[in-house]
């Protein structure tokens, strides 16, 4: 690996974080506009959204450092602020953000599931941006493949020099189809708050479970075949199935 590849790899890691931040802001703006058009209290959103973001960042970062203790050992408390190293753990960030959101909505006697349904499309827009960022920078890459659409990366951080599965493009296409389905069913599920979010989550985590088999980038492994993310995906899919079976009575 030459100095140009090393320099490009470091640059790519920073670009990945920048792209994720940009798409997150676009998704937040989309969420705000949807709430505005559909009669939700946007003042409440503006005053509390930062709390949801902060909750997601704090929980996601703490779990990320827990899974990679070497970073904390090297930099101590400063490691919390080195977001270009270790980043945020996705599932923990999602849990932290949703927990803060649920708390604030409950305190103001608002319906959590209605708000969650309203944010599903915006969430998928952010995910589509993360998919593209991962593909452009090689931050997430697949296993080696001989298929004609294999992608070859020559950058620091990608251990395979041969063409690999464009796993982030696979994810992008699946998430785009899921977004189209959500957009076409917003009114269909308007009388059953939460059902749209649960169905979307079921498909989202099921997609991710199978896509994880094609990934080759370094993540926490449960065994030689299964990643920690797949264990979480499986548990969340089961939770969604159970929740949907209990969620049958329409809300007037």
C-alpha atoms as a PDB file:
ATOM      1  CA  UNK A   1       0.000   0.000   0.000  1.00  0.00           C
ATOM      2  CA  UNK A   2       1.510   3.350  -1.045  1.00  0.00           C
ATOM      3  CA  UNK A   3       1.283   6.736   0.669  1.00  0.00           C
ATOM      4  CA  UNK A   4      -1.394   7.911  -1.753  1.00  0.00           C
ATOM      5  CA  UNK A   5      -3.663   5.003  -0.805  1.00  0.00           C
ATOM      6  CA  UNK A   6      -3.035   5.609   2.889  1.00  0.00           C
ATOM      7  CA  UNK A   7      -3.796   9.317   2.556  1.00  0.00           C
ATOM      8  CA  UNK A   8      -6.921   8.645   0.538  1.00  0.00           C
ATOM      9  CA  UNK A   9      -8.093   6.120   3.104  1.00  0.00           C
ATOM     10  CA  UNK A  10      -7.812   8.608   5.979  1.00  0.00           C
ATOM     11  CA  UNK A  11      -9.562  11.228   3.846  1.00  0.00           C
ATOM     12  CA  UNK A  12     -12.309   8.703   3.018  1.00  0.00           C
ATOM     13  CA  UNK A  13     -12.975   8.066   6.714  1.00  0.00           C
ATOM     14  CA  UNK A  14     -13.506  11.785   7.284  1.00  0.00           C
ATOM     15  CA  UNK A  15     -15.684  12.078   4.176  1.00  0.00           C
ATOM     16  CA  UNK A  16     -17.822   9.192   5.449  1.00  0.00           C
ATOM     17  CA  UNK A  17     -18.545  11.024   8.686  1.00  0.00           C
ATOM     18  CA  UNK A  18     -19.278  14.259   6.831  1.00  0.00           C
ATOM     19  CA  UNK A  19     -21.697  12.546   4.421  1.00  0.00           C
ATOM     20  CA  UNK A  20     -23.502  10.814   7.274  1.00  0.00           C
ATOM     21  CA  UNK A  21     -23.912  14.164   9.059  1.00  0.00           C
ATOM     22  CA  UNK A  22     -25.254  15.824   5.908  1.00  0.00           C
ATOM     23  CA  UNK A  23     -27.822  13.112   5.237  1.00  0.00           C
ATOM     24  CA  UNK A  24     -28.859  13.109   8.895  1.00  0.00           C
ATOM     25  CA  UNK A  25     -29.589  16.835   8.661  1.00  0.00           C
ATOM     26  CA  UNK A  26     -31.596  16.288   5.462  1.00  0.00           C
ATOM     27  CA  UNK A  27     -33.593  13.542   7.149  1.00  0.00           C
ATOM     28  CA  UNK A  28     -34.260  15.777  10.175  1.00  0.00           C
ATOM     29  CA  UNK A  29     -35.498  18.536   7.873  1.00  0.00           C
ATOM     30  CA  UNK A  30     -37.755  16.034   6.068  1.00  0.00           C
ATOM     31  CA  UNK A  31     -39.169  14.915   9.428  1.00  0.00           C
ATOM     32  CA  UNK A  32     -39.851  18.523  10.427  1.00  0.00           C
ATOM     33  CA  UNK A  33     -41.627  19.256   7.131  1.00  0.00           C
ATOM     34  CA  UNK A  34     -43.763  16.123   7.424  1.00  0.00           C
ATOM     35  CA  UNK A  35     -44.795  17.057  10.955  1.00  0.00           C
ATOM     36  CA  UNK A  36     -45.606  20.585   9.783  1.00  0.00           C
ATOM     37  CA  UNK A  37     -47.787  19.382   6.911  1.00  0.00           C
ATOM     38  CA  UNK A  38     -49.687  16.879   9.046  1.00  0.00           C
ATOM     39  CA  UNK A  39     -50.610  19.023  12.022  1.00  0.00           C
ATOM     40  CA  UNK A  40     -48.022  17.857  14.561  1.00  0.00           C
ATOM     41  CA  UNK A  41     -46.739  20.456  17.065  1.00  0.00           C
ATOM     42  CA  UNK A  42     -43.507  21.527  15.385  1.00  0.00           C
ATOM     43  CA  UNK A  43     -42.580  23.810  18.290  1.00  0.00           C
ATOM     44  CA  UNK A  44     -42.374  20.742  20.504  1.00  0.00           C
ATOM     45  CA  UNK A  45     -40.178  19.044  17.889  1.00  0.00           C
ATOM     46  CA  UNK A  46     -37.797  21.995  17.655  1.00  0.00           C
ATOM     47  CA  UNK A  47     -37.462  22.227  21.439  1.00  0.00           C
ATOM     48  CA  UNK A  48     -36.921  18.507  22.030  1.00  0.00           C
ATOM     49  CA  UNK A  49     -35.272  17.053  18.938  1.00  0.00           C
ATOM     50  CA  UNK A  50     -31.799  18.018  20.178  1.00  0.00           C
ATOM     51  CA  UNK A  51     -32.437  15.921  23.299  1.00  0.00           C
ATOM     52  CA  UNK A  52     -33.225  12.877  21.172  1.00  0.00           C
ATOM     53  CA  UNK A  53     -30.079  13.399  19.128  1.00  0.00           C
ATOM     54  CA  UNK A  54     -27.960  13.897  22.238  1.00  0.00           C
ATOM     55  CA  UNK A  55     -29.405  10.765  23.827  1.00  0.00           C
ATOM     56  CA  UNK A  56     -28.576   8.754  20.723  1.00  0.00           C
ATOM     57  CA  UNK A  57     -25.039  10.131  20.546  1.00  0.00           C
ATOM     58  CA  UNK A  58     -24.293   9.493  24.225  1.00  0.00           C
ATOM     59  CA  UNK A  59     -25.605   5.934  24.320  1.00  0.00           C
ATOM     60  CA  UNK A  60     -24.149   5.048  20.920  1.00  0.00           C
ATOM     61  CA  UNK A  61     -20.719   6.386  21.833  1.00  0.00           C
ATOM     62  CA  UNK A  62     -20.573   4.697  25.227  1.00  0.00           C
ATOM     63  CA  UNK A  63     -21.486   1.312  23.738  1.00  0.00           C
ATOM     64  CA  UNK A  64     -18.995   1.848  20.915  1.00  0.00           C
ATOM     65  CA  UNK A  65     -16.191   2.419  23.438  1.00  0.00           C
ATOM     66  CA  UNK A  66     -17.338  -0.591  25.452  1.00  0.00           C
ATOM     67  CA  UNK A  67     -17.035  -2.786  22.352  1.00  0.00           C
ATOM     68  CA  UNK A  68     -13.614  -1.316  21.524  1.00  0.00           C
ATOM     69  CA  UNK A  69     -11.903  -0.749  24.913  1.00  0.00           C
ATOM     70  CA  UNK A  70      -8.499  -0.278  23.261  1.00  0.00           C
ATOM     71  CA  UNK A  71      -9.549   3.215  22.158  1.00  0.00           C
ATOM     72  CA  UNK A  72     -10.425   4.202  25.723  1.00  0.00           C
ATOM     73  CA  UNK A  73      -7.195   2.676  27.010  1.00  0.00           C
ATOM     74  CA  UNK A  74      -5.221   4.773  24.529  1.00  0.00           C
ATOM     75  CA  UNK A  75      -6.929   8.150  24.954  1.00  0.00           C
ATOM     76  CA  UNK A  76      -8.876   7.944  28.223  1.00  0.00           C
ATOM     77  CA  UNK A  77     -11.923  10.209  28.538  1.00  0.00           C
ATOM     78  CA  UNK A  78     -10.880  12.096  25.403  1.00  0.00           C
ATOM     79  CA  UNK A  79     -11.754   8.989  23.385  1.00  0.00           C
ATOM     80  CA  UNK A  80     -15.420   9.924  23.781  1.00  0.00           C
ATOM     81  CA  UNK A  81     -14.879  12.911  21.480  1.00  0.00           C
ATOM     82  CA  UNK A  82     -12.801  11.096  18.824  1.00  0.00           C
ATOM     83  CA  UNK A  83     -15.820  10.295  16.662  1.00  0.00           C
ATOM     84  CA  UNK A  84     -13.667   9.562  13.629  1.00  0.00           C
ATOM     85  CA  UNK A  85     -12.369   6.567  15.586  1.00  0.00           C
ATOM     86  CA  UNK A  86     -14.926   4.056  16.808  1.00  0.00           C
ATOM     87  CA  UNK A  87     -17.864   6.208  15.689  1.00  0.00           C
ATOM     88  CA  UNK A  88     -21.308   5.451  17.170  1.00  0.00           C
ATOM     89  CA  UNK A  89     -22.820   2.010  17.576  1.00  0.00           C
ATOM     90  CA  UNK A  90     -25.922   2.122  15.408  1.00  0.00           C
ATOM     91  CA  UNK A  91     -28.300  -0.003  17.494  1.00  0.00           C
ATOM     92  CA  UNK A  92     -27.345   1.751  20.729  1.00  0.00           C
ATOM     93  CA  UNK A  93     -27.775   5.185  19.148  1.00  0.00           C
ATOM     94  CA  UNK A  94     -31.189   4.178  17.849  1.00  0.00           C
ATOM     95  CA  UNK A  95     -32.209   2.899  21.280  1.00  0.00           C
ATOM     96  CA  UNK A  96     -30.935   6.010  23.059  1.00  0.00           C
ATOM     97  CA  UNK A  97     -32.692   8.382  20.676  1.00  0.00           C
ATOM     98  CA  UNK A  98     -35.995   6.510  20.788  1.00  0.00           C
ATOM     99  CA  UNK A  99     -35.890   6.236  24.583  1.00  0.00           C
ATOM    100  CA  UNK A 100     -35.459  10.002  24.939  1.00  0.00           C
ATOM    101  CA  UNK A 101     -38.188  10.584  22.374  1.00  0.00           C
ATOM    102  CA  UNK A 102     -40.601   8.251  24.188  1.00  0.00           C
ATOM    103  CA  UNK A 103     -39.859   9.941  27.531  1.00  0.00           C
ATOM    104  CA  UNK A 104     -40.497  13.452  26.228  1.00  0.00           C
ATOM    105  CA  UNK A 105     -43.690  12.443  24.423  1.00  0.00           C
ATOM    106  CA  UNK A 106     -45.018  10.677  27.487  1.00  0.00           C
ATOM    107  CA  UNK A 107     -44.251  13.705  29.659  1.00  0.00           C
ATOM    108  CA  UNK A 108     -46.342  15.839  27.294  1.00  0.00           C
ATOM    109  CA  UNK A 109     -49.080  13.204  26.896  1.00  0.00           C
ATOM    110  CA  UNK A 110     -48.462  12.671  23.198  1.00  0.00           C
ATOM    111  CA  UNK A 111     -48.774   9.420  21.259  1.00  0.00           C
ATOM    112  CA  UNK A 112     -45.348   7.843  20.790  1.00  0.00           C
ATOM    113  CA  UNK A 113     -46.434   5.471  18.001  1.00  0.00           C
ATOM    114  CA  UNK A 114     -47.989   8.249  15.923  1.00  0.00           C
ATOM    115  CA  UNK A 115     -44.724  10.159  16.050  1.00  0.00           C
ATOM    116  CA  UNK A 116     -42.750   7.034  15.265  1.00  0.00           C
ATOM    117  CA  UNK A 117     -44.880   6.317  12.190  1.00  0.00           C
ATOM    118  CA  UNK A 118     -44.351   9.927  11.108  1.00  0.00           C
ATOM    119  CA  UNK A 119     -40.587   9.518  11.322  1.00  0.00           C
ATOM    120  CA  UNK A 120     -40.220   6.203   9.477  1.00  0.00           C
ATOM    121  CA  UNK A 121     -39.711   7.724   6.008  1.00  0.00           C
ATOM    122  CA  UNK A 122     -37.206  10.264   7.368  1.00  0.00           C
ATOM    123  CA  UNK A 123     -35.287   7.476   9.094  1.00  0.00           C
ATOM    124  CA  UNK A 124     -35.023   5.564   5.817  1.00  0.00           C
ATOM    125  CA  UNK A 125     -33.793   8.679   4.020  1.00  0.00           C
ATOM    126  CA  UNK A 126     -30.960   8.898   6.555  1.00  0.00           C
ATOM    127  CA  UNK A 127     -30.216   5.198   6.055  1.00  0.00           C
ATOM    128  CA  UNK A 128     -30.058   5.642   2.275  1.00  0.00           C
ATOM    129  CA  UNK A 129     -27.487   8.374   2.812  1.00  0.00           C
ATOM    130  CA  UNK A 130     -25.436   6.112   5.083  1.00  0.00           C
ATOM    131  CA  UNK A 131     -25.563   3.392   2.406  1.00  0.00           C
ATOM    132  CA  UNK A 132     -24.217   5.777  -0.219  1.00  0.00           C
ATOM    133  CA  UNK A 133     -21.530   7.092   2.120  1.00  0.00           C
ATOM    134  CA  UNK A 134     -20.398   3.555   2.863  1.00  0.00           C
ATOM    135  CA  UNK A 135     -20.236   2.699  -0.829  1.00  0.00           C
ATOM    136  CA  UNK A 136     -18.394   5.852  -1.908  1.00  0.00           C
ATOM    137  CA  UNK A 137     -15.735   5.641   0.789  1.00  0.00           C
ATOM    138  CA  UNK A 138     -15.429   1.868   1.177  1.00  0.00           C
ATOM    139  CA  UNK A 139     -16.232   2.199   4.866  1.00  0.00           C
ATOM    140  CA  UNK A 140     -18.481  -0.862   4.545  1.00  0.00           C
ATOM    141  CA  UNK A 141     -17.507  -3.491   2.010  1.00  0.00           C
ATOM    142  CA  UNK A 142     -18.420  -7.044   1.102  1.00  0.00           C
ATOM    143  CA  UNK A 143     -16.694 -10.345   0.595  1.00  0.00           C
ATOM    144  CA  UNK A 144     -14.683 -11.163  -2.514  1.00  0.00           C
ATOM    145  CA  UNK A 145     -16.780 -12.002  -5.567  1.00  0.00           C
ATOM    146  CA  UNK A 146     -16.321 -12.943  -9.226  1.00  0.00           C
ATOM    147  CA  UNK A 147     -19.687 -11.467 -10.214  1.00  0.00           C
ATOM    148  CA  UNK A 148     -19.510  -8.797 -12.929  1.00  0.00           C
ATOM    149  CA  UNK A 149     -20.843  -6.058 -10.638  1.00  0.00           C
ATOM    150  CA  UNK A 150     -18.107  -6.559  -8.056  1.00  0.00           C
ATOM    151  CA  UNK A 151     -16.433  -3.349  -6.843  1.00  0.00           C
ATOM    152  CA  UNK A 152     -12.695  -2.966  -6.295  1.00  0.00           C
ATOM    153  CA  UNK A 153     -11.336  -0.629  -3.621  1.00  0.00           C
ATOM    154  CA  UNK A 154      -7.728   0.464  -3.351  1.00  0.00           C
ATOM    155  CA  UNK A 155      -7.809   2.392  -0.127  1.00  0.00           C
ATOM    156  CA  UNK A 156      -6.619   2.174   3.447  1.00  0.00           C
ATOM    157  CA  UNK A 157      -9.099   0.224   5.551  1.00  0.00           C
ATOM    158  CA  UNK A 158     -10.223  -2.225   2.847  1.00  0.00           C
ATOM    159  CA  UNK A 159      -8.313  -5.471   3.344  1.00  0.00           C
ATOM    160  CA  UNK A 160      -9.396  -7.123   0.077  1.00  0.00           C
ATOM    161  CA  UNK A 161      -7.745  -5.981  -3.147  1.00  0.00           C
ATOM    162  CA  UNK A 162      -9.945  -8.112  -5.405  1.00  0.00           C
ATOM    163  CA  UNK A 163     -13.511  -7.117  -6.449  1.00  0.00           C
ATOM    164  CA  UNK A 164     -15.996  -7.412  -3.584  1.00  0.00           C
ATOM    165  CA  UNK A 165     -19.753  -7.487  -3.208  1.00  0.00           C
ATOM    166  CA  UNK A 166     -21.137  -3.912  -3.238  1.00  0.00           C
ATOM    167  CA  UNK A 167     -23.070  -4.747  -0.101  1.00  0.00           C
ATOM    168  CA  UNK A 168     -23.953  -1.111   0.542  1.00  0.00           C
ATOM    169  CA  UNK A 169     -25.559  -0.869  -2.908  1.00  0.00           C
ATOM    170  CA  UNK A 170     -27.582  -3.990  -2.164  1.00  0.00           C
ATOM    171  CA  UNK A 171     -28.705  -2.318   1.042  1.00  0.00           C
ATOM    172  CA  UNK A 172     -29.455   0.944  -0.787  1.00  0.00           C
ATOM    173  CA  UNK A 173     -31.765  -0.809  -3.268  1.00  0.00           C
ATOM    174  CA  UNK A 174     -33.600  -2.723  -0.533  1.00  0.00           C
ATOM    175  CA  UNK A 175     -34.001   0.390   1.599  1.00  0.00           C
ATOM    176  CA  UNK A 176     -35.202   2.380  -1.405  1.00  0.00           C
ATOM    177  CA  UNK A 177     -37.896  -0.225  -2.073  1.00  0.00           C
ATOM    178  CA  UNK A 178     -38.825  -0.131   1.600  1.00  0.00           C
ATOM    179  CA  UNK A 179     -39.078   3.669   1.479  1.00  0.00           C
ATOM    180  CA  UNK A 180     -41.375   3.483  -1.545  1.00  0.00           C
ATOM    181  CA  UNK A 181     -43.553   0.965   0.300  1.00  0.00           C
ATOM    182  CA  UNK A 182     -43.712   3.227   3.364  1.00  0.00           C
ATOM    183  CA  UNK A 183     -44.610   6.278   1.256  1.00  0.00           C
ATOM    184  CA  UNK A 184     -47.419   4.340  -0.401  1.00  0.00           C
ATOM    185  CA  UNK A 185     -48.882   3.045   2.874  1.00  0.00           C
ATOM    186  CA  UNK A 186     -48.824   6.060   5.192  1.00  0.00           C
ATOM    187  CA  UNK A 187     -52.564   6.593   4.824  1.00  0.00           C
ATOM    188  CA  UNK A 188     -53.345   2.874   4.912  1.00  0.00           C
ATOM    189  CA  UNK A 189     -51.965   2.544   8.443  1.00  0.00           C
ATOM    190  CA  UNK A 190     -53.095   5.944   9.719  1.00  0.00           C
ATOM    191  CA  UNK A 191     -55.787   4.358  11.954  1.00  0.00           C
ATOM    192  CA  UNK A 192     -53.422   1.808  13.515  1.00  0.00           C
ATOM    193  CA  UNK A 193     -50.579   3.864  15.044  1.00  0.00           C
ATOM    194  CA  UNK A 194     -47.375   1.904  15.367  1.00  0.00           C
ATOM    195  CA  UNK A 195     -48.188  -0.813  12.872  1.00  0.00           C
ATOM    196  CA  UNK A 196     -46.349   0.929  10.032  1.00  0.00           C
ATOM    197  CA  UNK A 197     -43.249   1.449  12.190  1.00  0.00           C
ATOM    198  CA  UNK A 198     -43.267  -2.168  13.374  1.00  0.00           C
ATOM    199  CA  UNK A 199     -43.675  -3.604   9.871  1.00  0.00           C
ATOM    200  CA  UNK A 200     -40.937  -1.326   8.577  1.00  0.00           C
ATOM    201  CA  UNK A 201     -38.624  -2.317  11.423  1.00  0.00           C
ATOM    202  CA  UNK A 202     -39.359  -5.993  10.789  1.00  0.00           C
ATOM    203  CA  UNK A 203     -38.318  -5.730   7.134  1.00  0.00           C
ATOM    204  CA  UNK A 204     -35.383  -3.410   7.842  1.00  0.00           C
ATOM    205  CA  UNK A 205     -33.759  -5.681  10.417  1.00  0.00           C
ATOM    206  CA  UNK A 206     -34.528  -8.814   8.384  1.00  0.00           C
ATOM    207  CA  UNK A 207     -32.762  -7.270   5.365  1.00  0.00           C
ATOM    208  CA  UNK A 208     -29.780  -6.354   7.518  1.00  0.00           C
ATOM    209  CA  UNK A 209     -29.569  -9.848   9.018  1.00  0.00           C
ATOM    210  CA  UNK A 210     -29.041 -11.437   5.608  1.00  0.00           C
ATOM    211  CA  UNK A 211     -26.808  -8.668   4.227  1.00  0.00           C
ATOM    212  CA  UNK A 212     -24.438  -9.170   7.148  1.00  0.00           C
ATOM    213  CA  UNK A 213     -23.461 -12.559   5.662  1.00  0.00           C
ATOM    214  CA  UNK A 214     -21.919 -10.719   2.691  1.00  0.00           C
ATOM    215  CA  UNK A 215     -19.909  -8.206   4.712  1.00  0.00           C
ATOM    216  CA  UNK A 216     -16.144  -8.469   5.109  1.00  0.00           C
ATOM    217  CA  UNK A 217     -15.323  -5.281   7.041  1.00  0.00           C
ATOM    218  CA  UNK A 218     -14.336  -5.691  10.663  1.00  0.00           C
ATOM    219  CA  UNK A 219     -17.183  -5.782  13.189  1.00  0.00           C
ATOM    220  CA  UNK A 220     -17.786  -7.552  16.498  1.00  0.00           C
ATOM    221  CA  UNK A 221     -18.274 -11.296  15.917  1.00  0.00           C
ATOM    222  CA  UNK A 222     -20.350 -13.721  17.980  1.00  0.00           C
ATOM    223  CA  UNK A 223     -18.764 -16.704  16.223  1.00  0.00           C
ATOM    224  CA  UNK A 224     -16.909 -17.467  13.019  1.00  0.00           C
ATOM    225  CA  UNK A 225     -20.151 -17.203  11.056  1.00  0.00           C
ATOM    226  CA  UNK A 226     -22.317 -14.717  12.928  1.00  0.00           C
ATOM    227  CA  UNK A 227     -21.799 -11.079  13.842  1.00  0.00           C
ATOM    228  CA  UNK A 228     -23.110  -9.306  16.904  1.00  0.00           C
ATOM    229  CA  UNK A 229     -25.280  -7.171  14.610  1.00  0.00           C
ATOM    230  CA  UNK A 230     -27.002 -10.305  13.312  1.00  0.00           C
ATOM    231  CA  UNK A 231     -27.854 -11.416  16.833  1.00  0.00           C
ATOM    232  CA  UNK A 232     -29.414  -8.022  17.498  1.00  0.00           C
ATOM    233  CA  UNK A 233     -31.213  -8.084  14.134  1.00  0.00           C
ATOM    234  CA  UNK A 234     -32.686 -11.502  14.913  1.00  0.00           C
ATOM    235  CA  UNK A 235     -33.860 -10.425  18.364  1.00  0.00           C
ATOM    236  CA  UNK A 236     -35.469  -7.281  16.939  1.00  0.00           C
ATOM    237  CA  UNK A 237     -37.233  -9.213  14.180  1.00  0.00           C
ATOM    238  CA  UNK A 238     -38.696 -11.575  16.788  1.00  0.00           C
ATOM    239  CA  UNK A 239     -39.742  -8.600  18.917  1.00  0.00           C
ATOM    240  CA  UNK A 240     -41.466  -7.000  15.909  1.00  0.00           C
ATOM    241  CA  UNK A 241     -43.330 -10.219  15.093  1.00  0.00           C
ATOM    242  CA  UNK A 242     -44.566 -10.529  18.690  1.00  0.00           C
ATOM    243  CA  UNK A 243     -45.567  -6.853  18.777  1.00  0.00           C
ATOM    244  CA  UNK A 244     -47.469  -7.136  15.491  1.00  0.00           C
ATOM    245  CA  UNK A 245     -49.396 -10.182  16.666  1.00  0.00           C
ATOM    246  CA  UNK A 246     -50.561  -8.190  19.674  1.00  0.00           C
ATOM    247  CA  UNK A 247     -51.306  -5.077  17.623  1.00  0.00           C
ATOM    248  CA  UNK A 248     -54.562  -5.860  15.841  1.00  0.00           C
ATOM    249  CA  UNK A 249     -57.215  -3.528  17.170  1.00  0.00           C
ATOM    250  CA  UNK A 250     -57.483  -0.275  15.160  1.00  0.00           C
ATOM    251  CA  UNK A 251     -57.259   2.970  17.078  1.00  0.00           C
ATOM    252  CA  UNK A 252     -60.124   5.343  16.336  1.00  0.00           C
END
